[in-house]
Amino acid sequence: MSTRTPDRYAKITTVLVRVLFLNLAVAIAKLSFGYMTGALSIVSDGFHSLADSTSNITGLVGVRAAGRPPDEDHPYGHRKYETLAAAVIVVMLGVVILEVVQAALERLESGAAPQVSALSFAVMFATLIVNLIVVRYESRKGRELSSELLIADSMHTKSDVLTSVAVIVSLAGVKLGFPILDAAGALIVAVFIGNAAIEIARDTGRILTDRIVLNEDDVLSVVMGVPGVLGCEKIRTRGSSDHAFLDLHVWFAPELPLRDAHRLSHDVKDRLMARYPQIGDAIIHIEPPPPKQV
């Protein structure tokens, strides 16, 4: 079933709005309690969650732009705005990393110790459960809608799960008499955030640099399954997993009338679109095979 249904962007928007409110609740809880107790690890984790919320807002803006139909200035549509929004997430994560590292180094230098109580662990475990729910929900919807933005955002939130676990461990260490572990926990948060940024940058980079999307051998197999096709070459694809563009050269018999060759090229396109519903458009160049192939 094609993921390019008219309400796709509306569904993505609904997911982002729901996740936004959950991320805001988690961020507010962590930041409020972190500042109240002086726990740098909790504050850092709160900023990580706040970055999730900011990413959701950026995603909403990107989806709104990506949902616009093609126009004279954008004949291929506005799909890459969604990818661009995912790239902006990477920049935001970079800013968060710098802030967390700077605060952690200052804490290591001062040697101050935060207040750790049973409520500290209760807050972290509660927000951890919320994060797990968000990751499961957003990643599932991302796969259903073939949205790299939702998948990227779920990966970002997944790093929140890991950082929350690290923070809980660091708080336990502080409770046992090792205050330095609070700053260490904040630095671990920075590492997890950096890993999430690298993964998202890698995935968005593949799209923005027009890396191949569909397997060439698979495309060739589909094309050669159409009666009358003598060969195929120069298969090129680009775009994203749910909105790809394809162009290729298909060989037909030299004596075949142009009208028939044109009809067969549409048969080729129909088969490709049926096999790969994520294809936004396929351009087929009709030509005779090289002399040695005739």
Protein backbone atom coordinates (compact mmCIF):
# COMPACT_ATOMS: atom_id res chain seq x y z
CA MET A 1 0.00 0.00 0.00
CA SER A 2 1.36 3.43 -0.89
CA THR A 3 2.54 5.65 1.95
CA ARG A 4 1.81 8.74 -0.14
CA THR A 5 -1.84 8.96 0.84
CA PRO A 6 -3.40 12.44 1.12
CA ASP A 7 -3.68 12.25 4.90
CA ARG A 8 -0.14 11.00 5.52
CA TYR A 9 1.15 14.35 6.71
CA ALA A 10 -1.92 14.83 8.89
CA LYS A 11 -1.18 11.52 10.58
CA ILE A 12 2.49 12.46 11.10
CA THR A 13 1.38 15.79 12.57
CA THR A 14 -0.95 14.02 15.02
CA VAL A 15 1.89 11.79 16.19
CA LEU A 16 4.24 14.74 16.65
CA VAL A 17 1.69 16.76 18.64
CA ARG A 18 1.02 13.86 21.00
CA VAL A 19 4.73 13.20 21.49
CA LEU A 20 5.39 16.93 21.96
CA PHE A 21 3.11 17.15 24.99
CA LEU A 22 4.63 14.03 26.55
CA ASN A 23 8.18 15.29 25.98
CA LEU A 24 7.31 18.69 27.46
CA ALA A 25 5.88 17.04 30.55
CA VAL A 26 9.03 14.94 30.98
CA ALA A 27 11.35 17.92 30.41
CA ILE A 28 9.49 20.14 32.89
CA ALA A 29 9.54 17.42 35.54
CA LYS A 30 13.27 16.79 35.16
CA LEU A 31 14.32 20.43 34.96
CA SER A 32 12.15 21.52 37.87
CA PHE A 33 13.32 18.75 40.16
CA GLY A 34 16.91 18.94 38.93
CA TYR A 35 17.26 22.64 39.70
CA MET A 36 15.44 22.20 43.00
CA THR A 37 17.89 19.53 44.19
CA GLY A 38 21.00 20.75 42.36
CA ALA A 39 21.38 17.44 40.50
CA LEU A 40 23.31 18.34 37.34
CA SER A 41 22.70 14.91 35.82
CA ILE A 42 18.92 15.37 36.10
CA VAL A 43 19.13 18.93 34.73
CA SER A 44 21.20 17.70 31.77
CA ASP A 45 18.71 14.94 31.12
CA GLY A 46 15.95 17.54 31.32
CA PHE A 47 17.62 19.63 28.63
CA HIS A 48 17.90 16.47 26.56
CA SER A 49 14.15 15.98 26.90
CA LEU A 50 13.59 19.67 26.13
CA ALA A 51 15.58 19.18 22.94
CA ASP A 52 13.12 16.40 22.11
CA SER A 53 10.29 18.91 22.45
CA THR A 54 12.08 21.45 20.29
CA SER A 55 12.68 18.74 17.71
CA ASN A 56 8.96 17.96 17.71
CA ILE A 57 8.17 21.61 17.01
CA THR A 58 10.77 21.70 14.23
CA GLY A 59 9.27 18.53 12.83
CA LEU A 60 5.79 20.03 12.82
CA VAL A 61 7.08 22.99 10.82
CA GLY A 62 8.90 20.66 8.43
CA VAL A 63 5.90 18.39 7.92
CA ARG A 64 3.67 21.36 7.18
CA ALA A 65 6.07 22.47 4.44
CA ALA A 66 6.61 18.93 3.15
CA GLY A 67 2.88 18.36 2.77
CA ARG A 68 2.50 21.10 0.20
CA PRO A 69 1.91 19.85 -3.38
CA PRO A 70 4.42 20.42 -6.20
CA ASP A 71 4.44 23.91 -7.71
CA GLU A 72 6.33 25.83 -10.40
CA ASP A 73 9.32 26.43 -8.13
CA HIS A 74 9.34 22.93 -6.67
CA PRO A 75 8.28 20.51 -9.44
CA TYR A 76 9.51 17.55 -7.38
CA GLY A 77 7.40 18.62 -4.40
CA HIS A 78 8.48 19.81 -0.96
CA ARG A 79 9.34 16.41 0.48
CA LYS A 80 12.90 17.36 1.43
CA TYR A 81 11.64 19.94 3.90
CA GLU A 82 10.83 17.02 6.17
CA THR A 83 14.36 15.72 5.74
CA LEU A 84 15.72 19.20 6.38
CA ALA A 85 13.74 19.32 9.63
CA ALA A 86 15.41 16.07 10.69
CA ALA A 87 18.79 17.67 9.92
CA VAL A 88 17.94 20.66 12.11
CA ILE A 89 17.47 18.20 14.98
CA VAL A 90 21.17 17.35 14.63
CA VAL A 91 22.14 21.00 15.07
CA MET A 92 19.96 21.31 18.16
CA LEU A 93 21.53 18.22 19.67
CA GLY A 94 24.98 19.74 19.09
CA VAL A 95 24.02 22.84 21.08
CA VAL A 96 22.70 20.68 23.93
CA ILE A 97 25.95 18.69 24.01
CA LEU A 98 28.03 21.85 24.41
CA GLU A 99 25.84 23.11 27.25
CA VAL A 100 25.90 19.78 29.10
CA VAL A 101 29.67 19.33 28.82
CA GLN A 102 30.35 22.87 29.99
CA ALA A 103 28.09 22.47 33.04
CA ALA A 104 29.63 19.08 33.89
CA LEU A 105 33.17 20.46 33.78
CA GLU A 106 32.18 23.35 36.05
CA ARG A 107 30.64 20.89 38.52
CA LEU A 108 33.79 18.75 38.51
CA GLU A 109 35.84 21.84 39.28
CA SER A 110 33.60 23.03 42.12
CA GLY A 111 33.02 19.59 43.65
CA ALA A 112 29.50 20.48 44.79
CA ALA A 113 27.12 17.63 45.69
CA PRO A 114 23.39 17.51 44.84
CA GLN A 115 20.57 16.44 47.14
CA VAL A 116 19.48 12.89 46.33
CA SER A 117 16.32 11.41 47.87
CA ALA A 118 13.78 8.72 47.16
CA LEU A 119 11.79 11.33 45.23
CA SER A 120 14.76 11.79 42.90
CA PHE A 121 14.56 8.16 41.86
CA ALA A 122 10.76 8.29 41.63
CA VAL A 123 10.90 11.22 39.19
CA MET A 124 13.53 9.52 37.03
CA PHE A 125 11.70 6.18 36.92
CA ALA A 126 8.39 7.88 36.08
CA THR A 127 9.89 9.87 33.21
CA LEU A 128 11.73 6.74 32.03
CA ILE A 129 8.41 4.93 31.65
CA VAL A 130 6.97 7.85 29.67
CA ASN A 131 10.02 7.82 27.36
CA LEU A 132 9.62 4.11 26.73
CA ILE A 133 5.99 4.66 25.75
CA VAL A 134 6.98 7.52 23.40
CA VAL A 135 9.74 5.49 21.72
CA ARG A 136 7.47 2.51 21.12
CA TYR A 137 4.62 4.64 19.80
CA GLU A 138 6.67 6.98 17.59
CA SER A 139 8.91 4.30 16.07
CA ARG A 140 5.86 2.16 15.25
CA LYS A 141 4.11 5.08 13.59
CA GLY A 142 7.32 6.01 11.80
CA ARG A 143 7.50 2.57 10.22
CA GLU A 144 3.79 2.55 9.37
CA LEU A 145 4.02 5.96 7.66
CA SER A 146 7.58 5.44 6.32
CA SER A 147 8.59 8.77 7.84
CA GLU A 148 12.31 9.27 8.44
CA LEU A 149 11.39 12.28 10.56
CA LEU A 150 9.36 10.20 13.04
CA ILE A 151 12.00 7.47 13.01
CA ALA A 152 14.76 10.02 13.63
CA ASP A 153 12.76 11.62 16.41
CA SER A 154 12.09 8.24 18.04
CA MET A 155 15.83 7.52 17.92
CA HIS A 156 16.39 10.83 19.67
CA THR A 157 13.89 9.90 22.38
CA LYS A 158 15.44 6.43 22.62
CA SER A 159 18.66 8.08 23.66
CA ASP A 160 16.63 9.68 26.47
CA VAL A 161 15.86 6.20 27.76
CA LEU A 162 19.54 5.32 27.89
CA THR A 163 20.52 8.62 29.48
CA SER A 164 17.81 8.29 32.11
CA VAL A 165 19.22 4.90 33.10
CA ALA A 166 22.70 6.45 33.30
CA VAL A 167 21.35 9.28 35.45
CA ILE A 168 19.66 6.82 37.83
CA VAL A 169 22.96 4.98 38.23
CA SER A 170 24.85 8.23 38.86
CA LEU A 171 22.26 9.29 41.48
CA ALA A 172 22.72 5.96 43.21
CA GLY A 173 26.47 6.63 43.27
CA VAL A 174 25.94 10.08 44.76
CA LYS A 175 23.66 8.56 47.41
CA LEU A 176 26.46 6.15 48.30
CA GLY A 177 28.89 9.02 48.85
CA PHE A 178 30.43 9.69 45.44
CA PRO A 179 29.26 13.21 44.41
CA ILE A 180 31.58 13.25 41.42
CA LEU A 181 29.26 10.74 39.75
CA ASP A 182 26.65 13.47 39.27
CA ALA A 183 28.94 15.31 36.84
CA ALA A 184 30.03 11.99 35.35
CA GLY A 185 26.37 11.15 34.70
CA ALA A 186 25.95 14.47 32.89
CA LEU A 187 28.93 13.66 30.64
CA ILE A 188 27.43 10.26 29.87
CA VAL A 189 24.26 12.09 28.83
CA ALA A 190 26.36 14.13 26.39
CA VAL A 191 27.81 10.94 24.89
CA PHE A 192 24.35 9.45 24.29
CA ILE A 193 23.13 12.69 22.75
CA GLY A 194 26.16 12.74 20.45
CA ASN A 195 25.49 9.18 19.33
CA ALA A 196 21.89 10.05 18.48
CA ALA A 197 23.07 13.11 16.52
CA ILE A 198 25.51 10.99 14.48
CA GLU A 199 22.84 8.42 13.59
CA ILE A 200 20.34 11.06 12.51
CA ALA A 201 23.00 12.96 10.53
CA ARG A 202 23.97 9.77 8.72
CA ASP A 203 20.39 8.96 7.71
CA THR A 204 19.48 12.48 6.59
CA GLY A 205 22.82 12.80 4.80
CA ARG A 206 21.95 9.82 2.61
CA ILE A 207 18.84 11.61 1.40
CA LEU A 208 20.32 15.09 0.99
CA THR A 209 23.30 13.71 -0.98
CA ASP A 210 21.02 11.67 -3.30
CA ARG A 211 22.34 8.28 -2.28
CA ILE A 212 20.82 5.30 -4.12
CA VAL A 213 17.45 4.26 -2.70
CA LEU A 214 16.32 1.14 -4.59
CA ASN A 215 18.44 -1.92 -5.32
CA GLU A 216 19.50 -1.81 -8.98
CA ASP A 217 19.31 -5.59 -9.48
CA ASP A 218 15.77 -5.68 -8.11
CA VAL A 219 14.67 -2.87 -10.41
CA LEU A 220 16.29 -4.63 -13.37
CA SER A 221 14.45 -7.85 -12.52
CA VAL A 222 11.09 -6.05 -12.56
CA VAL A 223 11.82 -4.31 -15.86
CA MET A 224 13.03 -7.47 -17.60
CA GLY A 225 9.80 -9.19 -16.59
CA VAL A 226 7.85 -7.05 -19.07
CA PRO A 227 7.39 -8.81 -22.46
CA GLY A 228 9.09 -6.90 -25.27
CA VAL A 229 11.88 -5.43 -23.15
CA LEU A 230 15.29 -6.39 -24.51
CA GLY A 231 17.41 -4.80 -21.83
CA CYS A 232 17.84 -2.04 -19.31
CA GLU A 233 20.70 0.19 -18.15
CA LYS A 234 21.61 3.43 -16.39
CA ILE A 235 19.25 2.79 -13.46
CA ARG A 236 19.38 5.70 -11.04
CA THR A 237 17.36 6.37 -7.90
CA ARG A 238 17.38 9.09 -5.28
CA GLY A 239 15.14 10.49 -2.57
CA SER A 240 13.92 8.94 0.68
CA SER A 241 12.63 5.54 1.65
CA ASP A 242 9.02 6.63 1.18
CA HIS A 243 9.36 9.06 -1.73
CA ALA A 244 11.88 8.00 -4.36
CA PHE A 245 12.59 9.14 -7.91
CA LEU A 246 13.73 6.72 -10.60
CA ASP A 247 15.08 7.09 -14.12
CA LEU A 248 16.41 4.40 -16.43
CA HIS A 249 17.01 3.48 -20.07
CA VAL A 250 14.95 0.61 -21.52
CA TRP A 251 15.80 -1.18 -24.76
CA PHE A 252 13.17 -2.14 -27.31
CA ALA A 253 13.51 -3.69 -30.76
CA PRO A 254 14.64 -1.09 -33.34
CA GLU A 255 11.80 -1.98 -35.69
CA LEU A 256 9.15 -1.55 -33.00
CA PRO A 257 6.81 1.39 -33.81
CA LEU A 258 7.17 4.35 -31.49
CA ARG A 259 3.54 4.06 -30.43
CA ASP A 260 4.08 0.45 -29.31
CA ALA A 261 7.36 1.28 -27.61
CA HIS A 262 5.61 4.08 -25.73
CA ARG A 263 2.84 1.73 -24.63
CA LEU A 264 5.38 -0.84 -23.40
CA SER A 265 7.25 1.84 -21.48
CA HIS A 266 4.03 2.55 -19.59
CA ASP A 267 3.75 -1.17 -18.84
CA VAL A 268 7.26 -0.99 -17.39
CA LYS A 269 6.36 2.06 -15.30
CA ASP A 270 3.14 0.47 -14.04
CA ARG A 271 5.01 -2.63 -12.90
CA LEU A 272 7.67 -0.56 -11.17
CA MET A 273 5.06 1.58 -9.40
CA ALA A 274 3.20 -1.54 -8.30
CA ARG A 275 6.40 -3.14 -6.98
CA TYR A 276 7.63 0.09 -5.36
CA PRO A 277 4.64 2.25 -4.32
CA GLN A 278 7.09 4.70 -2.75
CA ILE A 279 8.20 5.86 -6.20
CA GLY A 280 7.07 9.46 -6.69
CA ASP A 281 7.92 9.45 -10.38
CA ALA A 282 9.74 7.23 -12.87
CA ILE A 283 11.30 8.56 -16.07
CA ILE A 284 11.87 5.92 -18.76
CA HIS A 285 14.13 6.62 -21.71
CA ILE A 286 13.19 4.56 -24.78
CA GLU A 287 16.08 3.46 -27.00
CA PRO A 288 17.23 0.54 -29.17
CA PRO A 289 19.85 -1.82 -27.75
CA PRO A 290 23.51 -1.32 -28.67
CA PRO A 291 24.41 -2.90 -32.06
CA LYS A 292 26.10 -5.88 -30.43
CA GLN A 293 22.90 -6.58 -28.43
CA VAL A 294 20.52 -6.65 -31.42
